[in-house]
Protein backbone atom coordinates (compact mmCIF):
# COMPACT_ATOMS: atom_id res chain seq x y z
CA ARG A 1 0.02 -0.03 0.03
CA LYS A 2 2.86 2.37 0.75
CA LEU A 3 4.46 1.79 -2.67
CA ALA A 4 1.10 2.03 -4.46
CA SER A 5 0.47 5.38 -2.82
CA TYR A 6 3.52 6.66 -4.74
CA GLY A 7 2.57 4.99 -8.07
CA ILE A 8 4.90 2.11 -7.67
CA TYR A 9 3.02 -1.13 -8.68
CA THR A 10 5.56 -3.51 -10.38
CA ILE A 11 8.94 -4.98 -9.76
CA GLY A 12 10.31 -3.02 -12.72
CA GLU A 13 9.07 0.20 -11.19
CA VAL A 14 10.72 -0.71 -7.88
CA ALA A 15 13.98 -1.32 -9.78
CA LYS A 16 13.85 2.13 -11.37
CA THR A 17 13.04 4.01 -8.08
CA ASP A 18 15.73 5.90 -6.26
CA PRO A 19 17.06 3.53 -3.56
CA ASP A 20 17.48 6.45 -1.13
CA PHE A 21 13.72 7.16 -1.49
CA LEU A 22 12.87 3.50 -0.77
CA LYS A 23 15.07 3.61 2.33
CA ARG A 24 13.32 6.68 3.61
CA LEU A 25 9.97 5.07 2.93
CA LEU A 26 10.55 1.46 4.17
CA GLY A 27 13.83 1.51 5.95
CA VAL A 28 16.42 -1.29 5.33
CA ASN A 29 13.56 -3.31 3.75
CA GLY A 30 13.30 -0.66 1.04
CA LEU A 31 16.96 -1.13 0.13
CA ALA A 32 16.53 -4.91 0.14
CA LEU A 33 13.57 -4.61 -2.28
CA TRP A 34 15.56 -2.33 -4.60
CA THR A 35 18.51 -4.77 -4.51
CA PHE A 36 16.42 -7.84 -5.28
CA ALA A 37 14.42 -6.04 -7.99
CA ASN A 38 17.62 -5.18 -9.76
CA GLY A 39 18.87 -8.78 -9.55
CA GLN A 40 21.73 -7.95 -7.20
CA ASP A 41 21.57 -10.73 -4.63
CA GLN A 42 24.83 -10.93 -2.79
CA SER A 43 23.93 -13.90 -0.61
CA ARG A 44 26.63 -16.55 -0.11
CA VAL A 45 26.11 -19.88 -1.80
CA MET A 46 25.98 -22.55 0.91
CA ALA A 47 27.80 -25.84 0.69
CA ASP A 48 25.97 -29.00 -0.21
CA GLY A 49 24.26 -30.51 2.80
CA TYR A 50 24.17 -27.27 4.76
CA GLU A 51 21.24 -26.99 7.14
CA ALA A 52 20.27 -23.53 8.22
CA PRO A 53 19.86 -23.10 12.04
CA ILE A 54 16.31 -22.88 13.36
CA LYS A 55 15.65 -19.20 14.14
CA SER A 56 11.95 -19.35 14.86
CA ILE A 57 9.13 -21.82 15.17
CA GLY A 58 5.58 -20.92 14.14
CA HIS A 59 2.20 -22.26 13.26
CA GLY A 60 -0.55 -20.40 11.28
CA VAL A 61 -4.04 -21.09 9.92
CA THR A 62 -6.55 -19.52 7.63
CA CYS A 63 -9.82 -19.88 9.50
CA ILE A 64 -12.88 -21.59 8.14
CA SER A 65 -14.79 -18.39 8.62
CA ASP A 66 -13.95 -14.88 9.82
CA LEU A 67 -13.18 -14.28 13.54
CA LEU A 68 -15.62 -11.76 14.92
CA ASP A 69 -14.40 -10.97 18.45
CA GLU A 70 -11.54 -11.38 20.88
CA GLU A 71 -12.95 -14.65 22.33
CA GLU A 72 -12.75 -16.31 18.96
CA VAL A 73 -9.21 -14.91 18.33
CA TRP A 74 -8.08 -16.20 21.82
CA LYS A 75 -9.26 -19.76 21.03
CA VAL A 76 -7.39 -19.87 17.67
CA ILE A 77 -4.25 -18.34 19.25
CA LEU A 78 -4.36 -20.98 22.11
CA ASP A 79 -4.79 -23.80 19.60
CA LEU A 80 -1.85 -22.59 17.52
CA SER A 81 0.31 -22.18 20.58
CA GLN A 82 -0.13 -25.89 21.48
CA ASP A 83 1.68 -26.85 18.28
CA VAL A 84 4.35 -24.12 18.71
CA GLY A 85 5.05 -25.26 22.31
CA HIS A 86 5.22 -28.95 21.19
CA ARG A 87 7.75 -28.17 18.44
CA LEU A 88 9.84 -26.02 20.77
CA ARG A 89 10.18 -29.03 23.16
CA ALA A 90 10.79 -31.51 20.35
CA ASN A 91 13.64 -29.37 18.99
CA GLY A 92 15.12 -28.47 22.44
CA PHE A 93 14.44 -24.73 22.37
CA LEU A 94 13.05 -22.00 24.62
CA ALA A 95 11.58 -18.78 23.18
CA LYS A 96 12.57 -15.29 24.43
CA GLY A 97 9.92 -13.59 22.24
CA VAL A 98 6.63 -14.00 20.52
CA GLN A 99 5.52 -12.79 17.10
CA ILE A 100 1.99 -12.78 15.60
CA PHE A 101 0.79 -12.31 12.10
CA VAL A 102 -2.80 -11.23 11.51
CA ARG A 103 -4.56 -11.08 8.18
CA ASP A 104 -7.93 -9.37 8.02
CA ASN A 105 -10.75 -10.17 5.60
CA ASP A 106 -9.55 -7.40 3.30
CA LEU A 107 -6.39 -9.54 2.99
CA TYR A 108 -4.12 -6.94 4.60
CA GLY A 109 -1.46 -8.43 6.86
CA TYR A 110 -0.12 -7.07 10.12
CA GLU A 111 2.87 -8.41 12.07
CA TYR A 112 3.69 -7.63 15.66
CA GLN A 113 6.35 -8.96 18.13
CA THR A 114 7.40 -8.61 21.70
CA LYS A 115 9.77 -10.01 24.28
CA LEU A 116 8.82 -12.58 26.91
CA GLU A 117 9.70 -11.84 30.58
CA ILE A 118 11.47 -15.25 30.79
CA ALA A 119 12.46 -17.76 28.14
CA THR A 120 9.77 -20.44 27.91
CA ARG A 121 8.21 -23.28 25.78
CA SER A 122 4.92 -23.28 27.71
CA PRO A 123 1.99 -23.14 25.22
CA MET A 124 -0.13 -21.22 27.72
CA GLU A 125 2.57 -18.51 28.33
CA ILE A 126 3.12 -18.08 24.59
CA ALA A 127 -0.63 -17.94 23.95
CA GLU A 128 -1.20 -15.34 26.72
CA LYS A 129 1.64 -13.13 25.48
CA ALA A 130 0.47 -13.49 21.85
CA PHE A 131 -3.13 -12.57 22.77
CA ALA A 132 -1.99 -9.58 24.90
CA LEU A 133 0.01 -8.44 21.88
CA PHE A 134 -3.01 -8.79 19.63
CA ARG A 135 -5.18 -6.85 21.95
CA GLN A 136 -2.62 -4.12 22.30
CA ARG A 137 -1.77 -3.67 18.65
CA PHE A 138 -4.62 -4.81 16.37
CA GLU A 139 -7.31 -2.41 15.49
CA TRP A 140 -10.77 -3.92 14.86
CA LYS A 141 -11.47 -2.13 11.64
CA THR A 142 -12.52 -5.36 9.96
CA LYS A 143 -12.85 -9.12 10.79
CA VAL A 144 -9.79 -11.51 11.15
CA ARG A 145 -9.29 -14.13 8.45
CA ALA A 146 -5.97 -15.72 9.39
CA LEU A 147 -3.57 -15.89 12.34
CA CYS A 148 -0.02 -17.12 12.94
CA VAL A 149 1.78 -17.49 16.22
CA ARG A 150 5.57 -17.70 16.15
CA ALA A 151 8.20 -18.23 18.90
CA ILE A 152 11.25 -16.10 18.15
CA SER A 153 14.65 -15.37 19.71
CA LEU A 154 15.17 -19.06 20.33
CA VAL A 155 17.86 -20.39 22.78
CA SER A 156 18.71 -23.94 23.71
CA ASP A 157 16.71 -25.36 26.68
CA ALA A 158 20.09 -26.24 28.21
CA THR A 159 21.03 -22.56 28.36
CA PRO A 160 21.14 -21.18 31.94
CA ARG A 161 18.30 -18.84 32.64
CA GLN A 162 18.14 -15.65 34.71
CA LEU A 163 15.36 -16.21 37.17
CA MET A 164 12.87 -13.50 38.07
CA LEU A 165 12.68 -12.29 41.66
CA PHE A 166 9.02 -13.05 42.10
CA ASP A 167 8.75 -16.05 39.71
CA ASP A 168 7.96 -19.47 41.22
CA GLU A 169 10.60 -21.61 39.59
CA GLU A 170 9.46 -24.83 41.32
CA HIS A 171 5.94 -24.33 40.04
CA ARG A 172 7.29 -23.58 36.50
CA GLN A 173 9.24 -26.86 36.52
CA LYS A 174 6.13 -28.72 37.61
CA LEU A 175 4.20 -27.20 34.73
CA ASP A 176 7.00 -28.05 32.31
CA ARG A 177 6.92 -31.76 33.39
CA LEU A 178 3.10 -31.74 33.02
CA GLU A 179 3.32 -30.32 29.52
CA GLY A 180 6.00 -32.96 28.71
CA THR A 181 3.45 -35.63 29.73
CA VAL A 182 0.81 -33.94 27.55
CA ASP A 183 3.20 -33.99 24.63
CA GLU A 184 3.89 -37.78 25.12
CA LEU A 185 0.13 -38.52 25.20
CA ARG A 186 -0.32 -36.61 21.98
CA ARG A 187 2.57 -38.41 20.40
CA ARG A 188 1.20 -41.82 21.26
CA PHE A 189 -2.51 -41.26 20.79
CA GLY A 190 -2.89 -38.23 18.52
CA LYS A 191 -3.02 -34.43 18.96
CA ASN A 192 -6.72 -34.36 19.97
CA ILE A 193 -6.40 -36.88 22.78
CA ILE A 194 -6.09 -34.03 25.25
CA TYR A 195 -6.60 -30.30 25.00
CA ASN A 196 -7.90 -27.25 26.82
CA ALA A 197 -11.57 -27.49 27.67
CA SER A 198 -11.94 -23.89 26.26
CA LEU A 199 -11.30 -25.26 22.81
CA MET A 200 -14.41 -27.32 22.77
CA GLY A 201 -17.07 -25.89 20.49
CA ASP A 202 -16.67 -23.62 17.54
CA ILE A 203 -13.04 -22.37 17.19
CA LYS A 204 -13.32 -22.10 13.38
CA VAL A 205 -10.22 -24.24 12.89
CA ARG A 206 -11.36 -27.78 13.18
CA GLU A 207 -14.37 -29.77 14.29
CA ILE A 208 -14.47 -29.97 18.03
CA GLY A 209 -17.79 -29.99 19.88
CA ALA A 210 -19.23 -31.37 23.03
CA SER A 211 -21.62 -33.59 21.09
CA GLU A 212 -18.67 -35.35 19.60
CA VAL A 213 -16.88 -36.16 22.89
CA ILE A 214 -16.70 -39.83 23.86
CA MET A 215 -15.58 -40.50 27.42
CA PRO A 216 -13.35 -41.68 28.85
CA GLY A 217 -11.24 -41.82 25.67
CA MET A 218 -10.90 -37.97 25.66
CA MET A 219 -9.12 -35.98 28.36
CA TYR A 220 -9.38 -32.24 29.17
CA MET A 221 -7.09 -29.90 30.99
């Protein structure tokens, strides 16, 4: 939209634009756009077999219908965060930040990020921070079509952590062991064997409803 407001619509027009103008308009991303538009990629060629380090872990979804209010957004964010937390644990990482991507039903995208008070892989902590970020930054001018939750600023789960003065580390460790048990149950019996009770009903991602629950084969937390 910023480029279009200045009459720049195509890659060729980006290539012909003054790079200093693009930098003033879009910052370092403006220079990157100009460089790529002119075919001047200076990236190093990696050796055969090179595997790039994991810098972030995320999960996103285009909803089956538009999200109309914060309650519906919270349910989708919580659902996405379950997968993010599982993949952090599986890869041996903790996240020091959270990023969300929101696409509205006019297909405009918005990206926000923030730091976490303490590095974590807890799905609930990631979800709560992501939802707080959404409430703080997103303006409800239109409905929400798609969401993505991403764990960023990753560190190894073996990295020593600076504890917070008023944080209950013993309680945090108990929750981590509990979430490890939940991950193992999902690995053995499928993702939907156990999930938050608040995700029952219409979350506009998958079919979960009280009428479909068969006890005791399903567990809730």
